[in-house]
Protein backbone atom coordinates (compact mmCIF):
# COMPACT_ATOMS: atom_id res chain seq x y z
CA MET A 1 0.00 -0.01 -0.01
CA PHE A 2 2.87 2.37 0.62
CA ASN A 3 5.49 3.14 -1.96
CA GLN A 4 8.24 5.73 -2.02
CA SER A 5 8.57 7.41 -5.40
CA THR A 6 11.84 8.59 -6.90
CA ASN A 7 11.09 12.25 -6.17
CA GLY A 8 10.73 11.54 -2.40
CA LYS A 9 6.95 11.96 -2.27
CA GLN A 10 4.67 9.18 -1.13
CA HIS A 11 2.52 7.28 -3.56
CA ILE A 12 -0.65 6.24 -1.73
CA THR A 13 -3.07 3.65 -3.02
CA PRO A 14 -6.24 3.79 -0.88
CA ILE A 15 -8.55 0.84 -0.51
CA ILE A 16 -12.22 1.80 -0.84
CA CYS A 17 -14.27 -0.10 1.75
CA LYS A 18 -17.98 -0.36 2.49
CA ILE A 19 -19.42 -1.42 5.83
CA LYS A 20 -22.94 -0.91 7.18
CA ASP A 21 -23.85 1.32 4.21
CA ILE A 22 -20.84 3.58 4.85
CA THR A 23 -18.12 4.10 2.23
CA TYR A 24 -14.64 5.00 3.39
CA GLN A 25 -11.05 4.89 2.22
CA LYS A 26 -8.30 3.17 4.12
CA TYR A 27 -4.58 3.51 3.48
CA HIS A 28 -1.19 3.53 5.13
CA LEU A 29 0.92 6.65 5.26
CA TYR A 30 4.53 6.99 6.41
CA LYS A 31 4.72 9.46 9.32
CA LYS A 32 8.23 10.63 10.08
CA PRO A 33 7.56 11.46 13.78
CA TYR A 34 6.53 7.83 14.35
CA GLU A 35 9.19 6.49 11.94
CA ARG A 36 6.68 4.00 10.55
CA GLU A 37 3.49 3.65 8.56
CA VAL A 38 0.24 4.63 10.23
CA LEU A 39 -3.29 3.63 9.29
CA VAL A 40 -5.56 6.42 7.96
CA ILE A 41 -9.31 6.04 7.50
CA LYS A 42 -11.43 8.76 5.87
CA ASN A 43 -15.02 9.27 4.74
CA HIS A 44 -15.29 8.69 0.98
CA GLY A 45 -17.54 9.58 -1.92
CA GLU A 46 -21.09 10.66 -1.21
CA ASP A 47 -20.54 9.96 2.51
CA ARG A 48 -18.02 12.83 2.80
CA GLY A 49 -19.34 15.73 4.80
CA VAL A 50 -22.47 13.94 6.07
CA ASN A 51 -22.65 14.12 9.86
CA ASN A 52 -24.63 10.93 10.52
CA LYS A 53 -22.27 9.02 8.19
CA SER A 54 -19.30 10.29 10.20
CA ILE A 55 -20.92 9.07 13.43
CA SER A 56 -21.64 5.70 11.82
CA LEU A 57 -18.09 5.45 10.46
CA PHE A 58 -16.66 6.20 13.92
CA GLU A 59 -18.83 3.46 15.44
CA ALA A 60 -18.00 0.97 12.65
CA VAL A 61 -14.21 1.31 12.65
CA ASN A 62 -13.50 2.36 16.23
CA ASP A 63 -12.26 -1.15 17.07
CA GLN A 64 -9.45 -0.82 14.49
CA PHE A 65 -7.84 1.88 16.64
CA ASP A 66 -6.18 2.02 20.02
CA ARG A 67 -7.54 4.61 22.51
CA PHE A 68 -7.66 8.00 20.81
CA LYS A 69 -5.26 10.39 22.50
CA ILE A 70 -5.69 13.56 20.42
CA ALA A 71 -8.66 15.18 18.71
CA LYS A 72 -8.00 18.04 16.28
CA MET A 73 -10.07 20.37 14.21
CA SER A 74 -8.50 23.09 12.11
CA LYS A 75 -9.89 26.59 11.75
CA GLU A 76 -10.06 25.98 8.00
CA ILE A 77 -13.44 25.40 6.41
CA ASP A 78 -14.35 21.74 5.79
CA SER A 79 -11.32 20.40 7.69
CA GLY A 80 -13.38 17.91 9.68
CA LEU A 81 -12.47 16.14 12.90
CA ILE A 82 -9.21 14.17 13.12
CA LEU A 83 -8.79 11.59 15.88
CA ILE A 84 -5.31 10.22 16.50
CA ASP A 85 -4.76 7.07 18.55
CA LYS A 86 -1.80 6.12 20.78
CA LYS A 87 0.03 4.54 17.82
CA GLY A 88 -0.41 7.57 15.53
CA ASN A 89 -3.22 6.05 13.42
CA GLU A 90 -5.75 8.61 12.22
CA LEU A 91 -9.51 8.69 11.69
CA HIS A 92 -10.69 11.66 9.58
CA LEU A 93 -14.38 12.51 9.88
CA SER A 94 -15.49 15.10 7.35
CA GLY A 95 -19.10 15.39 8.64
CA CYS A 96 -17.93 17.13 11.80
CA SER A 97 -17.35 20.82 12.52
CA CYS A 98 -17.39 23.35 15.34
CA GLY A 99 -18.07 27.02 15.94
CA TYR A 100 -21.84 26.96 15.66
CA ALA A 101 -24.85 24.99 16.94
CA GLY A 102 -25.56 22.99 13.78
CA THR A 103 -25.88 19.26 13.13
CA ASP A 104 -22.19 18.87 12.19
CA SER A 105 -21.17 20.39 15.55
CA HIS A 106 -23.59 18.00 17.29
CA ALA A 107 -21.83 15.12 15.50
CA THR A 108 -18.47 16.38 16.76
CA LEU A 109 -19.84 16.58 20.30
CA GLU A 110 -21.24 13.04 20.14
CA ILE A 111 -18.05 11.50 18.69
CA LEU A 112 -15.71 13.30 21.12
CA ASN A 113 -17.76 12.13 24.10
CA LYS A 114 -17.99 8.56 22.77
CA ALA A 115 -14.21 8.61 22.41
CA GLY A 116 -13.87 9.73 26.06
CA PHE A 117 -12.80 13.36 25.57
CA GLU A 118 -15.49 14.71 27.97
CA VAL A 119 -16.45 17.98 26.28
CA ASN A 120 -19.65 20.01 26.54
CA LYS A 121 -21.79 21.78 23.93
CA ARG A 122 -20.39 25.21 24.74
CA PHE A 123 -16.84 24.09 23.96
CA VAL A 124 -17.78 22.64 20.56
CA PHE A 125 -20.26 25.36 19.59
CA CYS A 126 -17.91 28.23 20.50
CA SER A 127 -14.58 26.81 19.29
CA LYS A 128 -13.23 27.88 15.90
CA GLY A 129 -10.71 25.06 15.99
CA PHE A 130 -9.03 22.98 18.67
CA THR A 131 -6.47 20.38 19.67
CA LEU A 132 -7.63 18.26 22.61
CA PHE A 133 -5.73 15.68 24.60
CA HIS A 134 -7.71 12.74 25.95
CA PRO A 135 -8.13 13.23 29.75
CA ASN A 136 -5.90 10.20 30.46
CA GLU A 137 -3.16 11.65 28.19
CA GLU A 138 -3.55 15.06 29.80
CA ILE A 139 -2.99 13.56 33.25
CA GLU A 140 0.09 11.70 32.03
CA LEU A 141 1.51 14.85 30.40
CA PHE A 142 0.48 17.61 32.82
CA GLY A 143 -0.78 15.99 36.04
CA GLU A 144 -4.16 16.42 37.71
CA ARG A 145 -6.21 19.52 37.01
CA LEU A 146 -6.48 21.98 39.92
């Protein structure tokens, strides 16, 4: 699945998968910080950008990941939610957003809480972008909250 081209850029061949009426792409990507390939799963085709499809994808493939340690959402439009597990594997959910009280933000709230990030509506609805550590990771990195 992973090939290094002669110009130093990665050549990625995704596998298109379908499970429980959800279409997604799955591929391996070399990540230098981890010095190895990581698994990446993303919404695909007509399922991209659909909040209930992102929730369903999270539920369907969650068992392919270790505990998620980081959740990120860029300030850029249509960036979606990126969950990163302890091994560096990534789940990209394009039907999620933040910064307003719409259905995509509700999907973000639901997925983050199912993944154990313990966030509330106000955080998701008011954030323009974020990087969150899982509470267990936060304790390991920074100690108990005061």
